[in-house]
Each structure stands twice: as structure tokens, then as C-alpha cells.
Amino acid sequence: MATVLILNGPNLNLLGTREPGIYGAQTLKDVEALCAETAAGLGLTADCRQSNHEGELIDWVHEAGRAQAEGELIGAVINAGAYTHTSVALHDAIKGVGLRAIEVHISNVHAREPFRNHSYLSPAAAGIVVGFGTEGYRLAIEGLDRLAKAASA
């Protein structure tokens, strides 16, 4: 059974308590359950990970690139949190390993502070889901599955 990797970056471990007016009341555990349910419905396994450390996220992207190349992984859904707006290193890692990635954001980052309007990940991503709350993870997994199937057809 193929896997979909779900990577969550800094402060996403605070979901449910961090600014619920922006991020909602669902916890990271709720998001992980949604991802597992969505993946299972598509015949996939979800591997959900969260880190507040940029280097660990990069290591996981490298690992994912190898797993995708070996046919074990369809790609990754990545909510890099604030690293979206600062990390050239994550951009380079995604491109460097050829990882099929969907960038996801719970809030509409384009309707927030100006610094959130720029993403270093977007040019490396196969798609972007923004502003649908945690439902965006479901949309991202479904989109990633479609892209992976189209690539293997």
C-alpha cells in the first residue's frame, strides 16, 4: 500500500489553542485523523509528522524523495507554517529530490499580514490549497492522489 506523507511545520502542534479565530478549534490529532481517514478512503496510508525544526523537515523531505522514487510514496502534503515565508532551504529540498508536493494552509494567507503573501514553497509545489480550514488537508491529499495517478498512467 502506498503512503502519503503529511508534514506540518512550526507551531502546528498548537492547533486547537493557538488563535482559534484564525486556525479553528481542531487539534493536530484531529487533523491527523482526518488525513488518515482520507488516505484510507483512497487506498493509501498516511504518515503524519510535525516538527518545529527546519532541518528535521528537510531531512524528512529528502527521505520522502527517496521513497517516492522507489514507488512507496505518492508525495507529500506540506503545511510548513511560518517556514513557508522564510525557507529557501525547504524549497531547494523539495526541488532537489523531485518530491511531488502540495502546499496547504489552514487560513487564507493572502488575506493576512503582507509577509504571509509570499511563499518560497509555491514555486516547488505541484499545487496549493489555501483557506479551507483543516478541510484543506483532505483536498490536498485527494489532489495529490490524482496527480500521482496521472503521472503513473
Protein backbone atom coordinates (compact mmCIF):
# COMPACT_ATOMS: atom_id res chain seq x y z
CA MET A 1 0.00 0.00 0.00
CA ALA A 2 1.40 3.39 -1.00
CA THR A 3 1.83 6.17 1.52
CA VAL A 4 1.13 9.89 1.56
CA LEU A 5 3.38 11.96 3.80
CA ILE A 6 1.81 14.83 5.75
CA LEU A 7 4.38 17.31 7.05
CA ASN A 8 3.42 20.04 9.50
CA GLY A 9 5.86 22.73 10.48
CA PRO A 10 6.36 25.05 13.42
CA ASN A 11 3.57 25.82 15.85
CA LEU A 12 1.09 23.46 14.20
CA ASN A 13 1.36 21.35 17.34
CA LEU A 14 -0.58 24.23 18.96
CA LEU A 15 -3.67 23.77 16.77
CA GLY A 16 -6.84 23.98 18.83
CA THR A 17 -5.37 26.51 21.24
CA ARG A 18 -3.37 28.89 19.01
CA GLU A 19 -5.52 31.72 17.65
CA PRO A 20 -8.69 29.65 17.20
CA GLY A 21 -10.32 32.56 15.36
CA ILE A 22 -7.79 32.03 12.58
CA TYR A 23 -6.93 28.33 12.82
CA GLY A 24 -10.12 26.87 14.29
CA ALA A 25 -10.68 24.55 17.24
CA GLN A 26 -9.41 21.33 15.70
CA THR A 27 -6.20 19.92 17.15
CA LEU A 28 -3.26 18.41 15.29
CA LYS A 29 -4.59 14.99 16.38
CA ASP A 30 -7.89 15.86 14.67
CA VAL A 31 -6.01 16.83 11.51
CA GLU A 32 -4.03 13.59 11.61
CA ALA A 33 -7.26 11.58 11.98
CA LEU A 34 -8.77 13.44 9.00
CA CYS A 35 -5.66 12.69 6.95
CA ALA A 36 -5.66 9.00 7.92
CA GLU A 37 -9.36 8.69 7.05
CA THR A 38 -8.91 10.46 3.70
CA ALA A 39 -5.86 8.38 2.81
CA ALA A 40 -7.57 5.12 3.75
CA GLY A 41 -10.51 6.03 1.52
CA LEU A 42 -8.07 6.27 -1.37
CA GLY A 43 -6.28 3.02 -0.51
CA LEU A 44 -3.30 4.85 0.98
CA THR A 45 -1.58 5.05 4.33
CA ALA A 46 -0.99 8.47 5.91
CA ASP A 47 2.33 9.16 7.61
CA CYS A 48 1.78 12.32 9.66
CA ARG A 49 4.73 14.21 11.14
CA GLN A 50 5.22 17.58 12.82
CA SER A 51 8.36 19.45 13.72
CA ASN A 52 9.27 22.92 14.90
CA HIS A 53 12.74 22.42 13.40
CA GLU A 54 13.55 23.32 9.80
CA GLY A 55 16.39 20.80 9.48
CA GLU A 56 14.17 17.91 10.55
CA LEU A 57 11.56 18.90 7.95
CA ILE A 58 14.30 19.00 5.31
CA ASP A 59 15.55 15.55 6.35
CA TRP A 60 12.00 14.21 6.01
CA VAL A 61 11.68 15.78 2.54
CA HIS A 62 14.92 14.04 1.50
CA GLU A 63 13.59 10.73 2.85
CA ALA A 64 10.30 11.31 1.02
CA GLY A 65 12.07 11.92 -2.27
CA ARG A 66 13.77 8.54 -2.00
CA ALA A 67 10.50 6.81 -1.04
CA GLN A 68 8.66 8.44 -3.94
CA ALA A 69 11.39 7.39 -6.38
CA GLU A 70 11.03 3.81 -5.11
CA GLY A 71 7.24 3.89 -5.61
CA GLU A 72 6.45 3.65 -1.90
CA LEU A 73 5.16 7.22 -1.55
CA ILE A 74 2.81 9.22 -3.78
CA GLY A 75 4.19 12.52 -2.48
CA ALA A 76 3.71 14.92 0.41
CA VAL A 77 1.20 17.40 1.73
CA ILE A 78 3.19 20.16 3.41
CA ASN A 79 1.99 22.84 5.78
CA ALA A 80 5.33 24.43 6.55
CA GLY A 81 3.80 27.09 8.79
CA ALA A 82 5.99 30.18 9.01
CA TYR A 83 8.79 28.39 7.12
CA THR A 84 6.61 28.83 4.03
CA HIS A 85 7.57 32.51 4.06
CA THR A 86 11.23 32.13 5.04
CA SER A 87 12.73 28.84 3.94
CA VAL A 88 14.65 28.74 0.72
CA ALA A 89 16.15 25.53 2.12
CA LEU A 90 12.77 23.74 2.12
CA HIS A 91 12.14 24.95 -1.44
CA ASP A 92 15.54 23.62 -2.51
CA ALA A 93 14.95 20.28 -0.75
CA ILE A 94 11.58 19.72 -2.47
CA LYS A 95 13.02 20.58 -5.89
CA GLY A 96 16.28 18.77 -5.22
CA VAL A 97 14.65 15.41 -4.62
CA GLY A 98 11.82 15.90 -7.12
CA LEU A 99 9.16 15.48 -4.46
CA ARG A 100 5.57 15.79 -5.62
CA ALA A 101 4.22 18.19 -3.00
CA ILE A 102 1.00 20.03 -2.29
CA GLU A 103 1.37 23.14 -0.15
CA VAL A 104 -1.51 23.61 2.28
CA HIS A 105 -2.53 26.45 4.60
CA ILE A 106 -5.43 26.40 7.01
CA SER A 107 -6.02 30.16 6.79
CA ASN A 108 -6.13 32.33 3.71
CA VAL A 109 -2.57 33.61 3.99
CA HIS A 110 -3.26 36.18 1.25
CA ALA A 111 -5.85 37.91 3.43
CA ARG A 112 -3.48 38.23 6.38
CA GLU A 113 -0.27 40.14 7.10
CA PRO A 114 1.68 41.16 3.97
CA PHE A 115 4.69 38.98 4.87
CA ARG A 116 2.43 35.91 4.56
CA ASN A 117 1.65 36.73 0.92
CA HIS A 118 4.95 35.29 -0.30
CA SER A 119 5.71 31.59 -0.32
CA TYR A 120 9.10 30.11 -1.06
CA LEU A 121 7.42 26.70 -1.38
CA SER A 122 4.83 27.56 -4.02
CA PRO A 123 7.26 27.50 -6.98
CA ALA A 124 8.34 23.99 -5.93
CA ALA A 125 4.83 22.70 -5.25
CA ALA A 126 2.61 20.82 -7.66
CA GLY A 127 -0.41 22.60 -6.17
CA ILE A 128 -1.58 24.84 -3.36
CA VAL A 129 -4.65 24.65 -1.11
CA VAL A 130 -5.29 27.81 0.90
CA GLY A 131 -8.03 28.99 3.24
CA PHE A 132 -10.31 25.96 3.57
CA GLY A 133 -9.50 25.34 7.23
CA THR A 134 -8.38 21.85 8.10
CA GLU A 135 -10.56 20.54 5.25
CA GLY A 136 -7.69 21.73 3.06
CA TYR A 137 -5.72 18.65 4.10
CA ARG A 138 -8.44 16.41 2.63
CA LEU A 139 -8.45 18.43 -0.59
CA ALA A 140 -4.66 18.30 -0.77
CA ILE A 141 -4.50 14.52 -0.29
CA GLU A 142 -7.19 13.96 -2.91
CA GLY A 143 -5.40 16.27 -5.35
CA LEU A 144 -2.06 14.63 -4.70
CA ASP A 145 -3.60 11.21 -5.34
CA ARG A 146 -4.97 12.41 -8.67
CA LEU A 147 -1.62 13.86 -9.69
CA ALA A 148 0.23 10.67 -8.73
CA LYS A 149 -2.22 8.52 -10.71
CA ALA A 150 -1.92 10.78 -13.74
CA ALA A 151 1.88 10.64 -13.54
CA SER A 152 1.87 6.84 -13.48
CA ALA A 153 -0.65 6.45 -16.31
